Amino acid sequence: MPPKQRFSSEDVIDAAFNIVRRHGWVGLSARTIAKELNSSTRPIYDHLQSMKNIEKGVVEKALATFVDYIAQDRTGDKWLDQALGYVLFASKEKHLFRCINDEEHIQFQKEFARKHWAKLGDQLADDERFQNISEQAKNRIRVVRWFLLHGISYLASSGWLDLPESESEEVSDFVGMNLTDFLRKANQAIYDGFKK
């Protein structure tokens, strides 16, 4: 009779996720997962058959972590909180941000991103700004803002833009305001420019 497994498929994904969180994709292998679980590599493949399946699980978990981070209440304004969460996640969780935005795993990202996009949209359902505008205008506003946030976030995750530890410190000499105020103004400009 084969020995009883000491861990589950979820344990394998959790271990892989933690490795990617600390080291990025470059640190992930069956060997590093086995080391994380204090195991040999054989049980890793017994659970998930291939590294692609493990990578898919990591992307799914990273996207869920990202959405939870975005959804945190920071200012009391969900629209602003989502923007802050997006940029702060990229700054503080650089490897996970890259994990959900790399070219190699785009098929997994697309598969899971739609449900998260809908979840974030649902959080804005009670926001007065979105009550009396068309679905088309609402989607356009969200997409344009996503373009802006993704650009800032990419710069922050790559080290090109150093965001301050505190949201009340200036973003940079060029911006001349803190991240919260900058994103509040950017949100308003995008909303005003695209609501019709």
Protein backbone atom coordinates (compact mmCIF):
# COMPACT_ATOMS: atom_id res chain seq x y z
CA MET A 1 0.00 0.00 0.00
CA PRO A 2 1.40 3.44 -0.93
CA PRO A 3 2.19 5.80 1.95
CA LYS A 4 -0.49 8.30 2.90
CA GLN A 5 0.11 11.79 1.51
CA ARG A 6 1.01 14.39 4.11
CA PHE A 7 -0.36 17.33 2.17
CA SER A 8 -3.11 18.22 -0.28
CA SER A 9 -3.20 19.84 -3.71
CA GLU A 10 -4.10 23.07 -1.92
CA ASP A 11 -0.95 22.76 0.18
CA VAL A 12 1.09 22.43 -3.01
CA ILE A 13 -0.53 25.57 -4.49
CA ASP A 14 -0.03 27.47 -1.23
CA ALA A 15 3.65 26.52 -1.15
CA ALA A 16 4.10 27.51 -4.80
CA PHE A 17 2.25 30.78 -4.19
CA ASN A 18 4.53 31.63 -1.26
CA ILE A 19 7.61 30.92 -3.37
CA VAL A 20 6.36 33.16 -6.19
CA ARG A 21 5.43 35.85 -3.65
CA ARG A 22 9.00 35.87 -2.31
CA HIS A 23 11.05 35.17 -5.44
CA GLY A 24 8.82 35.53 -8.51
CA TRP A 25 8.35 32.87 -11.17
CA VAL A 26 12.11 32.43 -11.44
CA GLY A 27 12.16 30.80 -8.00
CA LEU A 28 9.42 28.27 -8.73
CA SER A 29 10.25 24.64 -9.50
CA ALA A 30 9.09 21.24 -8.32
CA ARG A 31 12.27 21.09 -6.26
CA THR A 32 11.60 24.42 -4.47
CA ILE A 33 8.00 23.41 -3.79
CA ALA A 34 9.18 20.08 -2.38
CA LYS A 35 11.68 21.89 -0.19
CA GLU A 36 8.95 24.26 1.04
CA LEU A 37 6.80 21.23 1.94
CA ASN A 38 9.73 19.24 3.33
CA SER A 39 9.07 16.52 0.78
CA SER A 40 10.40 14.91 -2.37
CA THR A 41 9.18 16.06 -5.79
CA ARG A 42 7.16 12.91 -6.48
CA PRO A 43 4.14 13.85 -4.31
CA ILE A 44 4.03 17.28 -5.98
CA TYR A 45 3.34 15.68 -9.34
CA ASP A 46 1.02 13.09 -7.80
CA HIS A 47 -1.27 15.93 -6.76
CA LEU A 48 -1.16 18.25 -9.76
CA GLN A 49 0.43 16.25 -12.60
CA SER A 50 2.35 19.18 -14.12
CA MET A 51 3.99 22.51 -13.36
CA LYS A 52 1.44 24.19 -15.67
CA ASN A 53 -1.36 23.09 -13.34
CA ILE A 54 0.58 24.45 -10.39
CA GLU A 55 1.23 27.74 -12.20
CA LYS A 56 -2.47 28.02 -13.02
CA GLY A 57 -3.30 27.59 -9.33
CA VAL A 58 -0.73 30.22 -8.39
CA VAL A 59 -2.19 32.73 -10.88
CA GLU A 60 -5.70 32.06 -9.59
CA LYS A 61 -4.60 32.56 -5.97
CA ALA A 62 -2.55 35.66 -6.85
CA LEU A 63 -5.53 37.25 -8.65
CA ALA A 64 -7.81 36.51 -5.70
CA THR A 65 -5.23 38.06 -3.34
CA PHE A 66 -5.00 41.08 -5.66
CA VAL A 67 -8.77 41.60 -5.69
CA ASP A 68 -8.98 41.24 -1.90
CA TYR A 69 -6.22 43.84 -1.60
CA ILE A 70 -8.03 46.21 -3.97
CA ALA A 71 -11.30 45.79 -2.08
CA GLN A 72 -9.89 46.87 1.30
CA ASP A 73 -11.47 49.94 2.86
CA ARG A 74 -8.85 52.69 3.09
CA THR A 75 -10.70 55.98 2.69
CA GLY A 76 -14.41 55.14 2.84
CA ASP A 77 -14.71 55.80 -0.91
CA LYS A 78 -14.81 52.42 -2.74
CA TRP A 79 -13.89 54.01 -6.08
CA LEU A 80 -10.78 55.62 -4.59
CA ASP A 81 -10.02 52.57 -2.42
CA GLN A 82 -9.89 50.35 -5.50
CA ALA A 83 -7.42 52.71 -7.19
CA LEU A 84 -5.22 52.92 -4.11
CA GLY A 85 -5.33 49.17 -3.62
CA TYR A 86 -4.30 48.52 -7.22
CA VAL A 87 -1.24 50.75 -7.04
CA LEU A 88 -0.26 49.76 -3.49
CA PHE A 89 -0.48 46.05 -4.34
CA ALA A 90 1.95 46.54 -7.23
CA SER A 91 4.30 48.47 -4.98
CA LYS A 92 4.18 46.14 -1.96
CA GLU A 93 3.62 42.77 -3.70
CA LYS A 94 5.91 43.26 -6.71
CA HIS A 95 6.36 39.56 -7.54
CA LEU A 96 2.64 38.80 -7.28
CA PHE A 97 1.79 41.81 -9.43
CA ARG A 98 4.20 40.58 -12.09
CA CYS A 99 2.79 37.06 -11.68
CA ILE A 100 -0.68 38.21 -12.72
CA ASN A 101 0.64 40.34 -15.57
CA ASP A 102 3.31 38.29 -17.30
CA GLU A 103 3.01 37.12 -20.90
CA GLU A 104 3.61 33.43 -20.23
CA HIS A 105 0.45 32.99 -18.13
CA ILE A 106 -1.93 35.27 -20.05
CA GLN A 107 -4.42 32.45 -20.74
CA PHE A 108 -4.85 31.84 -17.00
CA GLN A 109 -5.07 35.56 -16.28
CA LYS A 110 -7.86 36.02 -18.83
CA GLU A 111 -9.70 32.98 -17.51
CA PHE A 112 -9.83 34.28 -13.95
CA ALA A 113 -9.82 38.06 -14.48
CA ARG A 114 -13.37 38.35 -15.83
CA LYS A 115 -14.98 37.18 -12.59
CA HIS A 116 -12.78 39.54 -10.58
CA TRP A 117 -13.63 42.47 -12.88
CA ALA A 118 -17.32 41.75 -12.26
CA LYS A 119 -16.78 41.49 -8.48
CA LEU A 120 -15.04 44.89 -8.39
CA GLY A 121 -17.83 46.37 -10.53
CA ASP A 122 -20.44 44.99 -8.12
CA GLN A 123 -18.71 46.85 -5.28
CA LEU A 124 -19.45 50.10 -7.10
CA ALA A 125 -23.15 49.34 -7.64
CA ASP A 126 -24.23 51.63 -4.77
CA ASP A 127 -21.83 54.45 -5.70
CA GLU A 128 -23.85 57.57 -6.63
CA ARG A 129 -21.43 58.42 -9.44
CA PHE A 130 -22.46 55.28 -11.30
CA GLN A 131 -26.21 55.43 -10.67
CA ASN A 132 -27.34 57.61 -13.57
CA ILE A 133 -24.90 56.74 -16.32
CA SER A 134 -25.15 54.04 -18.96
CA GLU A 135 -23.42 50.68 -18.63
CA GLN A 136 -21.31 51.65 -21.64
CA ALA A 137 -20.13 54.85 -19.92
CA LYS A 138 -19.50 52.97 -16.66
CA ASN A 139 -17.38 50.36 -18.44
CA ARG A 140 -15.50 53.00 -20.42
CA ILE A 141 -14.66 54.91 -17.22
CA ARG A 142 -13.46 51.73 -15.52
CA VAL A 143 -11.33 50.65 -18.49
CA VAL A 144 -9.69 54.06 -18.95
CA ARG A 145 -8.92 54.21 -15.25
CA TRP A 146 -7.51 50.68 -15.42
CA PHE A 147 -5.13 51.84 -18.18
CA LEU A 148 -3.87 54.66 -15.93
CA LEU A 149 -3.62 52.52 -12.79
CA HIS A 150 -1.87 49.72 -14.61
CA GLY A 151 0.73 52.10 -15.99
CA ILE A 152 1.48 53.58 -12.57
CA SER A 153 1.48 50.12 -11.03
CA TYR A 154 3.86 48.73 -13.62
CA LEU A 155 6.27 51.60 -12.91
CA ALA A 156 5.99 50.92 -9.17
CA SER A 157 6.46 47.15 -9.48
CA SER A 158 9.47 47.48 -11.77
CA GLY A 159 11.27 49.89 -9.43
CA TRP A 160 11.11 52.76 -11.91
CA LEU A 161 8.79 54.71 -9.60
CA ASP A 162 9.48 54.49 -5.88
CA LEU A 163 6.23 55.00 -4.03
CA PRO A 164 6.52 56.30 -0.48
CA GLU A 165 5.71 54.00 2.42
CA SER A 166 2.97 56.36 3.59
CA GLU A 167 0.02 57.29 1.40
CA SER A 168 0.30 60.84 2.79
CA GLU A 169 3.84 61.44 1.45
CA GLU A 170 4.35 62.99 -1.98
CA VAL A 171 4.48 60.50 -4.84
CA SER A 172 7.37 62.33 -6.49
CA ASP A 173 8.66 65.84 -7.05
CA PHE A 174 6.95 65.82 -10.43
CA VAL A 175 3.49 65.06 -9.06
CA GLY A 176 3.66 67.35 -6.04
CA MET A 177 0.94 65.57 -4.04
CA ASN A 178 0.39 62.37 -2.11
CA LEU A 179 -0.86 59.18 -3.75
CA THR A 180 -4.38 59.45 -2.32
CA ASP A 181 -4.88 63.01 -3.58
CA PHE A 182 -3.30 62.20 -6.94
CA LEU A 183 -5.59 59.21 -7.49
CA ARG A 184 -8.64 61.15 -6.26
CA LYS A 185 -7.96 63.85 -8.88
CA ALA A 186 -7.16 61.30 -11.59
CA ASN A 187 -10.38 59.39 -10.80
CA GLN A 188 -12.39 62.59 -11.06
CA ALA A 189 -10.74 63.67 -14.31
CA ILE A 190 -11.39 60.28 -15.90
CA TYR A 191 -14.97 60.23 -14.62
CA ASP A 192 -15.70 63.75 -15.87
CA GLY A 193 -14.05 63.09 -19.21
CA PHE A 194 -15.78 59.80 -19.99
CA LYS A 195 -19.20 59.81 -18.29
CA LYS A 196 -21.08 60.92 -21.42
